Amino acid sequence: MNDFDEPYDDGYDGDQGDELVAEDWPTVHTPVPVWVMLSGVSAKAYLMYAFLAEHINANIQNPNRRIACPKQKAIAVVLELADDRQVATYRKELEALGAIRTEKYRYAGGMRQGYKYFVRFNPPAGYQGQMRLRDFYNAHPEFRSAAKWEGRTEAAKKSPAATVPAQAKPAAKPKPAPAREARKKAREVPLAPEVLQVLEAFRPELREAMRETAHTDAPKTLVTAVTKALKERTAEQLVSRVLRRWTTHGYAEKFETGRLERPVGAAVAMLRHGECPDLGCEDGELLADGAPCVLCIERGKNYKADHKAAREAEKAARAAAAAGLLCPGCEQDRGTEGALCPRCVTGFENDIAGAAEKAAADITALSSAPAEGEKAREWALSQAAEAREAARQSGADLLGQFLAAQLAARAAAREAHQMRLNALGGDQHERPQDPAAGPDAAAAVPSMPVMHGTDPAPCSGVRWDGSPCGRTTEAEDGLCGVCRGAQMAQHEDLAAAR
């Protein structure tokens, strides 16, 4: 069966050209896919494919056992090759096409080599060649009409002699043609005029497609659907329905793009009543007065609301999934899947080391002894390490541990700086003082709260834009590590400004 649908009027009104003569039907045949025939392989490669395909037993249920293992000499005889080694040329050609796959095996005690042929009936993935007869005629428009209809009129007028294949048994003596035609006419039921009116309303291209796939443009399934639809609508209303739905339901676009695979099913779907429970509704309008159908409007609203809710839920799920991938320190997706990113870790470590260096510099300037500065550095780092360990034992995550260590290191640096200022007598060049601040301004900087492992509660802090933090915390002050760090930094900035 081909799928070429070029319309052509050959002037012949009979239908003998579409009949299959029983004597001409092959008793033994091998199906060769059209894509292999149109792939452009050489004639001998095509013959070799057909010979290999004939070895596949379709009755074997296990596809892994459908293997062809003919001798190479046998293939050479079929291809009329003088040397069986020439078979390799056509084997490689079929392998390059993707029509077969071969595996080598050894036999006769490993002394001889053979091939297992795995025949492909479907094209490999990504195949770009011609798949159907229609593709061939689209590529060769000069053959379209002549290739399909040439000689058909003359062939229909003649009565070729029936031939029986040599391997087939002699056919039984056919019964007289008049009796067969009489029985055929007796089985035929004339269609009602209303049914014929609806069937003729379908687009010509759709009717042609049905003739190609079902060999008739009035298949029994479609006739039954028309008869059933006529109980609810008149023939004129059904004609209007199928003509309208051919476009509005997208069947015309599917046909133009080659995606209309079941023409009969499409025709039946075009006849059916819509989803509206009101039988008087015709695609959103009431037949009685042409007013819009209230039920269809409500169904449309519900569909839009459900669709919107589904989109919002999907959007929220994507946002939650994306938020779970953000680094808690910088709130950026750096591929850490919600853990602290290396950039933030490095930033915390550098800040802790910088605070220790400040403490060492202040103590060195105070005592003029590098050894004392080194002790101050180690003391600041030890304070940071102890604070981080305490936070870890209290159940804080990595961000909370780094924040605790950072605050401890900064507190050590401030203490060393305060010692230097006290030794210098509060020199204004060393540290500008606000007279209204008082001598205990540095003490206004809050310290790291103790984590008591209480039940998790929402953080009471706010983000930079004033929105709630959204994190949970177990600290006494009700702040998470991020909000606490931001608050401490703010207090430090205020203390430094004084």
Protein backbone atom coordinates (compact mmCIF):
# COMPACT_ATOMS: atom_id res chain seq x y z
CA MET A 1 0.00 0.00 0.00
CA ASN A 2 1.38 3.42 -0.91
CA ASP A 3 0.51 6.81 0.52
CA PHE A 4 0.77 8.83 -2.67
CA ASP A 5 -2.34 10.97 -3.05
CA GLU A 6 -1.90 12.93 -6.26
CA PRO A 7 -5.43 13.54 -7.66
CA TYR A 8 -5.79 12.62 -11.29
CA ASP A 9 -8.74 11.89 -13.59
CA ASP A 10 -7.90 8.94 -15.80
CA GLY A 11 -11.28 8.88 -17.47
CA TYR A 12 -12.11 5.40 -16.21
CA ASP A 13 -15.30 4.96 -14.19
CA GLY A 14 -14.83 1.33 -13.16
CA ASP A 15 -13.21 0.06 -9.98
CA GLN A 16 -11.32 -2.93 -11.31
CA GLY A 17 -8.08 -1.04 -10.95
CA ASP A 18 -8.50 -1.14 -7.16
CA GLU A 19 -9.36 -4.84 -6.90
CA LEU A 20 -6.87 -7.48 -5.73
CA VAL A 21 -6.95 -10.56 -7.94
CA ALA A 22 -6.61 -13.65 -5.73
CA GLU A 23 -4.30 -15.43 -8.15
CA ASP A 24 -1.87 -12.51 -8.11
CA TRP A 25 -1.49 -12.35 -4.33
CA PRO A 26 1.97 -13.65 -3.37
CA THR A 27 1.88 -16.91 -1.47
CA VAL A 28 5.45 -16.46 -0.18
CA HIS A 29 6.84 -12.93 0.14
CA THR A 30 9.31 -10.91 2.17
CA PRO A 31 8.33 -7.46 3.46
CA VAL A 32 11.01 -4.91 2.64
CA PRO A 33 10.53 -1.47 4.25
CA VAL A 34 9.95 1.43 1.91
CA TRP A 35 12.70 3.50 3.53
CA VAL A 36 15.29 0.86 2.55
CA MET A 37 14.01 0.85 -1.03
CA LEU A 38 14.21 4.67 -1.23
CA SER A 39 17.49 5.00 0.70
CA GLY A 40 19.66 4.98 -2.45
CA VAL A 41 21.56 1.78 -1.68
CA SER A 42 22.87 -0.23 -4.59
CA ALA A 43 20.71 -2.90 -6.19
CA LYS A 44 22.82 -5.75 -4.83
CA ALA A 45 22.77 -4.28 -1.32
CA TYR A 46 18.99 -4.04 -1.55
CA LEU A 47 18.83 -7.66 -2.74
CA MET A 48 21.09 -8.74 0.13
CA TYR A 49 18.78 -6.99 2.62
CA ALA A 50 15.75 -8.80 1.20
CA PHE A 51 17.60 -12.13 1.38
CA LEU A 52 18.55 -11.54 5.02
CA ALA A 53 15.03 -10.38 5.92
CA GLU A 54 13.61 -13.62 4.49
CA HIS A 55 15.61 -15.56 7.12
CA ILE A 56 13.81 -13.80 10.00
CA ASN A 57 11.01 -15.92 11.39
CA ALA A 58 8.14 -13.61 12.34
CA ASN A 59 6.62 -16.34 14.55
CA ILE A 60 9.51 -16.09 17.02
CA GLN A 61 8.26 -13.95 19.89
CA ASN A 62 11.69 -13.12 21.32
CA PRO A 63 13.23 -10.33 19.19
CA ASN A 64 16.73 -11.32 20.35
CA ARG A 65 16.38 -14.63 18.51
CA ARG A 66 15.42 -13.10 15.19
CA ILE A 67 18.90 -13.44 13.77
CA ALA A 68 19.86 -14.30 10.20
CA CYS A 69 22.97 -16.49 9.83
CA PRO A 70 23.26 -17.46 6.16
CA LYS A 71 26.60 -18.56 4.76
CA GLN A 72 28.54 -15.93 2.90
CA LYS A 73 28.73 -18.23 -0.11
CA ALA A 74 24.92 -18.44 -0.14
CA ILE A 75 24.66 -14.65 -0.18
CA ALA A 76 27.19 -14.52 -3.02
CA VAL A 77 25.07 -16.93 -5.08
CA VAL A 78 21.94 -14.79 -4.60
CA LEU A 79 23.88 -11.64 -5.51
CA GLU A 80 25.51 -13.44 -8.48
CA LEU A 81 29.02 -12.68 -7.24
CA ALA A 82 32.00 -14.61 -8.54
CA ASP A 83 33.89 -14.28 -5.23
CA ASP A 84 32.07 -14.50 -1.89
CA ARG A 85 34.55 -12.00 -0.43
CA GLN A 86 32.74 -9.32 -2.42
CA VAL A 87 29.79 -9.71 -0.05
CA ALA A 88 31.69 -7.52 2.46
CA THR A 89 31.17 -4.49 0.19
CA TYR A 90 27.38 -4.71 0.39
CA ARG A 91 27.41 -5.73 4.04
CA LYS A 92 29.30 -2.55 4.91
CA GLU A 93 26.90 -0.53 2.76
CA LEU A 94 23.89 -1.85 4.71
CA GLU A 95 25.69 -1.30 8.02
CA ALA A 96 26.42 2.32 7.11
CA LEU A 97 22.75 2.80 6.26
CA GLY A 98 21.73 1.31 9.61
CA ALA A 99 19.61 -1.38 7.96
CA ILE A 100 21.54 -4.26 9.57
CA ARG A 101 23.88 -4.85 12.47
CA THR A 102 26.44 -7.67 12.35
CA GLU A 103 28.37 -9.67 14.93
CA LYS A 104 31.23 -12.07 14.25
CA TYR A 105 31.31 -15.55 15.72
CA ARG A 106 33.62 -18.53 15.53
CA TYR A 107 32.79 -22.16 14.83
CA ALA A 108 34.53 -25.40 13.85
CA GLY A 109 36.69 -25.21 16.94
CA GLY A 110 37.44 -21.55 16.38
CA MET A 111 39.01 -22.23 12.98
CA ARG A 112 36.26 -20.59 10.93
CA GLN A 113 34.42 -17.29 11.16
CA GLY A 114 30.83 -16.39 10.43
CA TYR A 115 28.45 -13.44 10.79
CA LYS A 116 25.20 -12.94 12.69
CA TYR A 117 22.94 -10.47 10.90
CA PHE A 118 20.46 -8.42 12.95
CA VAL A 119 17.99 -6.97 10.46
CA ARG A 120 16.41 -3.57 11.21
CA PHE A 121 12.93 -2.97 9.82
CA ASN A 122 12.63 0.55 11.22
CA PRO A 123 15.10 3.33 10.33
CA PRO A 124 17.73 4.27 12.91
CA ALA A 125 17.32 7.36 15.07
CA GLY A 126 18.02 10.56 13.19
CA TYR A 127 17.45 9.02 9.73
CA GLN A 128 16.82 11.85 7.26
CA GLY A 129 16.13 9.90 4.07
CA GLN A 130 12.84 9.35 2.25
CA MET A 131 10.35 7.35 4.30
CA ARG A 132 7.30 7.02 2.09
CA LEU A 133 6.42 6.86 -1.58
CA ARG A 134 4.97 10.34 -1.18
CA ASP A 135 8.43 11.64 -0.28
CA PHE A 136 9.83 10.20 -3.51
CA TYR A 137 7.21 11.87 -5.69
CA ASN A 138 7.55 15.13 -3.80
CA ALA A 139 11.24 15.03 -4.69
CA HIS A 140 10.40 14.17 -8.34
CA PRO A 141 7.30 16.18 -9.27
CA GLU A 142 7.83 15.33 -12.94
CA PHE A 143 6.68 11.75 -12.23
CA ARG A 144 3.70 12.45 -9.95
CA SER A 145 0.71 11.92 -12.20
CA ALA A 146 2.28 9.61 -14.71
CA ALA A 147 3.82 7.32 -12.10
CA LYS A 148 0.50 6.65 -10.40
CA TRP A 149 -2.00 6.48 -13.22
CA GLU A 150 -0.02 5.63 -16.37
CA GLY A 151 -1.52 2.65 -18.12
CA ARG A 152 -4.26 2.14 -15.53
CA THR A 153 -7.07 2.71 -17.98
CA GLU A 154 -5.67 0.20 -20.43
CA ALA A 155 -5.01 -2.31 -17.67
CA ALA A 156 -8.57 -1.98 -16.42
CA LYS A 157 -10.00 -2.62 -19.89
CA LYS A 158 -7.99 -5.80 -20.34
CA SER A 159 -8.54 -9.06 -18.50
CA PRO A 160 -5.06 -10.44 -17.80
CA ALA A 161 -4.64 -14.15 -17.63
CA ALA A 162 -4.45 -15.45 -14.07
CA THR A 163 -1.10 -16.98 -13.23
CA VAL A 164 -0.44 -19.36 -10.36
CA PRO A 165 2.99 -19.20 -8.70
CA ALA A 166 5.06 -22.32 -9.01
CA GLN A 167 5.17 -22.90 -5.26
CA ALA A 168 1.41 -22.40 -4.78
CA LYS A 169 -1.23 -25.06 -5.05
CA PRO A 170 -3.61 -24.86 -8.01
CA ALA A 171 -6.46 -22.49 -7.25
CA ALA A 172 -9.97 -23.82 -7.10
CA LYS A 173 -12.17 -23.24 -10.09
CA PRO A 174 -13.77 -19.82 -9.68
CA LYS A 175 -17.50 -19.57 -9.63
CA PRO A 176 -19.29 -17.69 -12.35
CA ALA A 177 -18.77 -13.94 -12.12
CA PRO A 178 -22.48 -13.03 -12.39
CA ALA A 179 -23.30 -15.00 -9.27
CA ARG A 180 -20.47 -13.34 -7.32
CA GLU A 181 -21.57 -9.90 -8.43
CA ALA A 182 -25.15 -10.72 -7.47
CA ARG A 183 -24.14 -11.74 -3.95
CA LYS A 184 -22.01 -8.60 -3.64
CA LYS A 185 -24.91 -6.38 -4.62
CA ALA A 186 -27.20 -8.27 -2.25
CA ARG A 187 -24.87 -7.51 0.67
CA GLU A 188 -24.66 -3.82 -0.18
CA VAL A 189 -27.11 -1.62 1.73
CA PRO A 190 -27.93 1.68 0.05
CA LEU A 191 -27.16 4.69 2.22
CA ALA A 192 -29.83 7.20 3.12
CA PRO A 193 -29.68 10.56 1.33
CA GLU A 194 -29.01 12.37 4.61
CA VAL A 195 -26.04 10.11 5.32
CA LEU A 196 -24.65 10.67 1.82
CA GLN A 197 -25.09 14.43 2.24
CA VAL A 198 -22.99 14.42 5.42
CA LEU A 199 -20.33 12.11 3.96
CA GLU A 200 -19.93 14.31 0.89
CA ALA A 201 -19.47 17.36 3.15
CA PHE A 202 -16.06 16.21 4.34
CA ARG A 203 -13.10 17.90 2.69
CA PRO A 204 -11.90 16.23 -0.54
CA GLU A 205 -8.39 15.74 0.85
CA LEU A 206 -9.78 13.97 3.91
CA ARG A 207 -11.94 11.68 1.77
CA GLU A 208 -8.94 10.86 -0.39
CA ALA A 209 -6.92 10.03 2.72
CA MET A 210 -9.70 7.71 3.91
CA ARG A 211 -9.71 5.96 0.55
CA GLU A 212 -5.98 5.35 0.87
CA THR A 213 -6.12 3.99 4.42
CA ALA A 214 -9.57 2.33 4.55
CA HIS A 215 -10.01 1.78 0.76
CA THR A 216 -13.28 3.71 0.90
CA ASP A 217 -14.49 7.17 1.83
CA ALA A 218 -17.55 5.70 3.55
CA PRO A 219 -16.20 3.17 6.07
CA LYS A 220 -18.67 1.41 8.30
CA THR A 221 -17.42 3.19 11.42
CA LEU A 222 -18.00 6.60 9.88
CA VAL A 223 -21.43 5.63 8.51
CA THR A 224 -22.47 4.44 11.97
CA ALA A 225 -21.27 7.71 13.51
CA VAL A 226 -23.21 9.75 10.95
CA THR A 227 -26.37 7.71 11.55
CA LYS A 228 -26.08 8.21 15.30
CA ALA A 229 -25.42 11.95 14.96
CA LEU A 230 -28.49 12.38 12.71
CA LYS A 231 -30.68 11.44 15.70
CA GLU A 232 -29.67 14.71 17.41
CA ARG A 233 -28.97 17.04 14.47
CA THR A 234 -30.19 17.58 10.95
CA ALA A 235 -28.00 16.83 7.97
CA GLU A 236 -27.48 20.56 7.35
CA GLN A 237 -26.35 21.08 10.95
CA LEU A 238 -23.89 18.18 10.72
CA VAL A 239 -22.54 19.53 7.43
CA SER A 240 -21.93 22.88 9.10
CA ARG A 241 -20.29 21.11 12.06
CA VAL A 242 -17.77 19.09 10.06
CA LEU A 243 -16.87 22.06 7.84
CA ARG A 244 -16.33 24.28 10.88
CA ARG A 245 -14.38 21.77 12.95
CA TRP A 246 -12.05 20.93 10.09
CA THR A 247 -10.45 24.32 10.76
CA THR A 248 -11.31 25.22 14.35
CA HIS A 249 -10.26 21.85 15.79
CA GLY A 250 -6.92 21.89 13.99
CA TYR A 251 -7.46 18.99 11.57
CA ALA A 252 -6.55 21.13 8.55
CA GLU A 253 -3.21 22.06 10.12
CA LYS A 254 -2.50 18.44 11.05
CA PHE A 255 -3.24 17.35 7.50
CA GLU A 256 -0.97 20.01 5.99
CA THR A 257 1.90 19.10 8.32
CA GLY A 258 1.50 15.34 7.81
CA ARG A 259 0.39 14.64 11.41
CA LEU A 260 -3.09 13.36 10.56
CA GLU A 261 -2.35 9.65 10.95
CA ARG A 262 -5.94 8.36 11.32
CA PRO A 263 -8.25 10.02 8.78
CA VAL A 264 -11.27 7.87 9.68
CA GLY A 265 -10.81 8.59 13.39
CA ALA A 266 -10.57 12.32 12.66
CA ALA A 267 -13.79 12.21 10.64
CA VAL A 268 -15.64 10.39 13.45
CA ALA A 269 -14.32 12.90 16.02
CA MET A 270 -15.58 15.79 13.90
CA LEU A 271 -19.11 14.33 14.05
CA ARG A 272 -19.36 13.72 17.79
CA HIS A 273 -21.15 16.05 20.19
CA GLY A 274 -18.83 18.26 22.23
CA GLU A 275 -18.04 18.03 25.93
CA CYS A 276 -20.92 20.27 26.96
CA PRO A 277 -23.68 18.31 28.77
CA ASP A 278 -26.37 20.47 27.12
CA LEU A 279 -27.50 18.66 23.97
CA GLY A 280 -28.76 21.94 22.56
CA CYS A 281 -25.26 23.42 22.62
CA GLU A 282 -23.31 23.48 19.38
CA ASP A 283 -19.66 24.31 20.04
CA GLY A 284 -20.48 27.01 22.61
CA GLU A 285 -23.70 28.39 21.08
CA LEU A 286 -27.30 27.35 21.71
CA LEU A 287 -29.13 26.19 18.60
CA ALA A 288 -32.41 27.63 19.85
CA ASP A 289 -31.43 31.31 19.79
CA GLY A 290 -27.71 31.44 19.02
CA ALA A 291 -26.91 32.74 22.51
CA PRO A 292 -23.65 31.74 24.20
CA CYS A 293 -23.89 28.57 26.26
CA VAL A 294 -23.68 29.36 29.98
CA LEU A 295 -22.36 25.90 30.79
CA CYS A 296 -19.51 26.27 28.29
CA ILE A 297 -18.65 29.70 29.73
CA GLU A 298 -18.51 28.28 33.25
CA ARG A 299 -16.47 25.31 32.07
CA GLY A 300 -14.09 27.75 30.41
CA LYS A 301 -13.76 29.77 33.61
CA ASN A 302 -13.15 26.66 35.66
CA TYR A 303 -10.59 25.46 33.15
CA LYS A 304 -8.78 28.80 33.25
CA ALA A 305 -8.89 28.89 37.05
CA ASP A 306 -7.61 25.34 37.33
CA HIS A 307 -4.96 26.03 34.73
CA LYS A 308 -3.89 29.20 36.56
CA ALA A 309 -3.77 27.38 39.91
CA ALA A 310 -1.71 24.61 38.36
CA ARG A 311 0.70 27.17 36.86
CA GLU A 312 1.03 29.00 40.18
CA ALA A 313 1.60 25.76 42.06
CA GLU A 314 4.21 24.73 39.53
CA LYS A 315 5.82 28.17 39.77
CA ALA A 316 5.86 27.98 43.58
CA ALA A 317 7.35 24.50 43.45
CA ARG A 318 10.07 25.70 41.06
CA ALA A 319 10.76 28.72 43.30
CA ALA A 320 10.98 26.49 46.39
CA ALA A 321 13.27 24.11 44.58
CA ALA A 322 15.42 27.01 43.38
CA ALA A 323 15.53 28.52 46.87
CA GLY A 324 16.68 25.20 48.25
CA LEU A 325 19.67 25.39 45.92
CA LEU A 326 20.80 28.86 47.02
CA CYS A 327 23.83 29.43 49.21
CA PRO A 328 22.55 30.69 52.62
CA GLY A 329 25.43 33.17 52.81
CA CYS A 330 25.19 35.05 49.52
CA GLU A 331 21.78 33.69 48.42
CA GLN A 332 23.19 32.77 45.00
CA ASP A 333 22.94 29.46 43.18
CA ARG A 334 26.58 28.42 42.93
CA GLY A 335 25.98 24.71 42.48
CA THR A 336 26.30 23.84 46.18
CA GLU A 337 22.68 22.59 46.45
CA GLY A 338 21.81 24.70 49.49
CA ALA A 339 25.16 24.43 51.26
CA LEU A 340 27.55 27.28 51.97
CA CYS A 341 29.44 28.06 48.77
CA PRO A 342 33.26 28.10 48.62
CA ARG A 343 33.26 31.86 47.97
CA CYS A 344 31.42 32.56 51.23
CA VAL A 345 33.63 30.11 53.13
CA THR A 346 36.72 31.89 51.81
CA GLY A 347 35.21 35.26 52.73
CA PHE A 348 34.54 34.18 56.31
CA GLU A 349 38.02 32.70 56.66
CA ASN A 350 39.63 35.85 55.28
CA ASP A 351 37.57 38.04 57.60
CA ILE A 352 38.56 35.95 60.65
CA ALA A 353 42.22 36.05 59.60
CA GLY A 354 41.97 39.82 59.00
CA ALA A 355 40.54 40.38 62.49
CA ALA A 356 43.40 38.34 63.98
CA GLU A 357 45.91 40.42 62.00
CA LYS A 358 44.38 43.63 63.35
CA ALA A 359 44.66 42.33 66.91
CA ALA A 360 48.30 41.38 66.29
CA ALA A 361 49.07 44.80 64.79
CA ASP A 362 47.55 46.66 67.75
CA ILE A 363 49.41 44.57 70.35
CA THR A 364 52.68 44.85 68.40
CA ALA A 365 52.31 48.64 68.24
CA LEU A 366 51.54 48.70 71.96
CA SER A 367 54.47 46.59 73.16
CA SER A 368 56.85 46.98 70.22
CA ALA A 369 57.41 43.21 70.50
CA PRO A 370 56.59 40.97 67.48
CA ALA A 371 56.27 37.98 69.81
CA GLU A 372 53.45 39.69 71.68
CA GLY A 373 51.71 40.42 68.37
CA GLU A 374 51.98 36.76 67.37
CA LYS A 375 50.43 35.77 70.70
CA ALA A 376 47.58 38.21 70.07
CA ARG A 377 47.01 36.69 66.62
CA GLU A 378 46.90 33.17 68.05
CA TRP A 379 44.61 34.34 70.84
CA ALA A 380 42.15 35.87 68.37
CA LEU A 381 42.17 32.74 66.21
CA SER A 382 41.65 30.54 69.28
CA GLN A 383 38.69 32.68 70.32
CA ALA A 384 37.20 32.20 66.83
CA ALA A 385 37.83 28.43 66.92
CA GLU A 386 36.21 28.06 70.35
CA ALA A 387 33.17 30.06 69.26
CA ARG A 388 32.80 27.96 66.12
CA GLU A 389 33.04 24.70 68.08
CA ALA A 390 30.47 25.93 70.59
CA ALA A 391 28.10 26.81 67.78
CA ARG A 392 28.62 23.40 66.16
CA GLN A 393 27.86 21.59 69.42
CA SER A 394 24.70 23.63 69.84
CA GLY A 395 23.43 22.40 66.48
CA ALA A 396 24.23 25.39 64.25
CA ASP A 397 24.86 24.82 60.56
CA LEU A 398 28.07 25.79 58.79
CA LEU A 399 26.87 29.35 58.25
CA GLY A 400 26.06 29.79 61.94
CA GLN A 401 29.45 28.35 62.90
CA PHE A 402 31.30 30.80 60.66
CA LEU A 403 29.23 33.70 61.92
CA ALA A 404 30.05 32.79 65.53
CA ALA A 405 33.76 32.51 64.69
CA GLN A 406 33.66 35.81 62.80
CA LEU A 407 32.03 37.66 65.70
CA ALA A 408 34.52 36.19 68.19
CA ALA A 409 37.50 37.21 66.04
CA ARG A 410 36.13 40.73 65.61
CA ALA A 411 35.50 40.98 69.38
CA ALA A 412 39.14 39.97 70.04
CA ALA A 413 40.35 42.59 67.57
CA ARG A 414 38.22 45.28 69.24
CA GLU A 415 39.58 44.29 72.66
CA ALA A 416 43.19 44.52 71.45
CA HIS A 417 42.44 47.88 69.85
CA GLN A 418 40.85 49.12 73.06
CA MET A 419 43.94 48.07 75.01
CA ARG A 420 46.06 50.12 72.64
CA LEU A 421 43.79 53.16 72.99
CA ASN A 422 43.81 52.91 76.78
CA ALA A 423 47.63 52.71 76.78
CA LEU A 424 47.82 55.79 74.55
CA GLY A 425 45.45 57.70 76.76
CA GLY A 426 42.66 57.89 74.19
CA ASP A 427 44.67 59.80 71.55
CA GLN A 428 42.22 61.52 69.21
CA HIS A 429 44.47 60.73 66.24
CA GLU A 430 44.16 57.05 67.01
CA ARG A 431 40.39 56.93 67.55
CA PRO A 432 37.92 59.80 67.14
CA GLN A 433 35.59 59.93 70.12
CA ASP A 434 32.07 61.20 70.28
CA PRO A 435 31.77 63.14 73.56
CA ALA A 436 28.17 62.05 73.90
CA ALA A 437 29.03 58.42 73.45
CA GLY A 438 30.80 57.99 76.78
CA PRO A 439 33.68 55.68 77.62
CA ASP A 440 31.62 52.52 77.32
CA ALA A 441 30.66 52.94 73.66
CA ALA A 442 32.45 49.76 72.65
CA ALA A 443 30.45 47.82 75.19
CA ALA A 444 27.27 48.60 73.23
CA VAL A 445 28.21 45.98 70.64
CA PRO A 446 26.11 42.91 71.42
CA SER A 447 27.76 39.55 71.97
CA MET A 448 27.01 36.14 70.43
CA PRO A 449 23.96 34.61 72.22
CA VAL A 450 24.11 31.15 73.70
CA MET A 451 22.30 28.42 71.72
CA HIS A 452 20.15 26.36 74.09
CA GLY A 453 18.71 23.91 71.55
CA THR A 454 15.11 25.04 72.01
CA ASP A 455 12.37 24.18 69.56
CA PRO A 456 12.86 25.78 66.14
CA ALA A 457 10.90 28.99 65.67
CA PRO A 458 10.60 31.53 62.84
CA CYS A 459 13.37 34.12 62.83
CA SER A 460 12.23 37.55 64.02
CA GLY A 461 14.65 39.38 61.74
CA VAL A 462 13.93 41.06 58.43
CA ARG A 463 15.67 41.07 55.09
CA TRP A 464 17.24 44.07 53.42
CA ASP A 465 13.95 44.95 51.72
CA GLY A 466 11.92 44.79 54.95
CA SER A 467 10.35 41.39 54.22
CA PRO A 468 10.37 38.65 56.90
CA CYS A 469 13.49 36.53 57.02
CA GLY A 470 11.67 33.20 56.64
CA ARG A 471 14.37 31.11 58.31
CA THR A 472 14.06 29.18 61.58
CA THR A 473 16.25 29.48 64.65
CA GLU A 474 16.75 27.92 68.07
CA ALA A 475 18.57 30.89 69.66
CA GLU A 476 17.32 32.78 72.70
CA ASP A 477 17.21 36.10 70.92
CA GLY A 478 14.96 34.74 68.18
CA LEU A 479 17.43 35.56 65.39
CA CYS A 480 19.01 33.24 62.86
CA GLY A 481 22.72 33.34 62.17
CA VAL A 482 22.37 35.53 59.07
CA CYS A 483 20.18 38.16 60.76
CA ARG A 484 22.35 38.12 63.87
CA GLY A 485 25.48 38.66 61.80
CA ALA A 486 23.83 41.58 59.98
CA GLN A 487 22.79 43.10 63.31
CA MET A 488 26.28 42.70 64.76
CA ALA A 489 27.83 44.29 61.70
CA GLN A 490 25.41 47.21 62.00
CA HIS A 491 26.35 47.74 65.66
CA GLU A 492 30.03 47.53 64.79
CA ASP A 493 29.61 50.18 62.10
CA LEU A 494 27.82 52.46 64.57
CA ALA A 495 30.51 51.89 67.22
CA ALA A 496 33.27 52.64 64.71
CA ALA A 497 31.52 55.84 63.65
CA ARG A 498 31.54 57.06 67.25
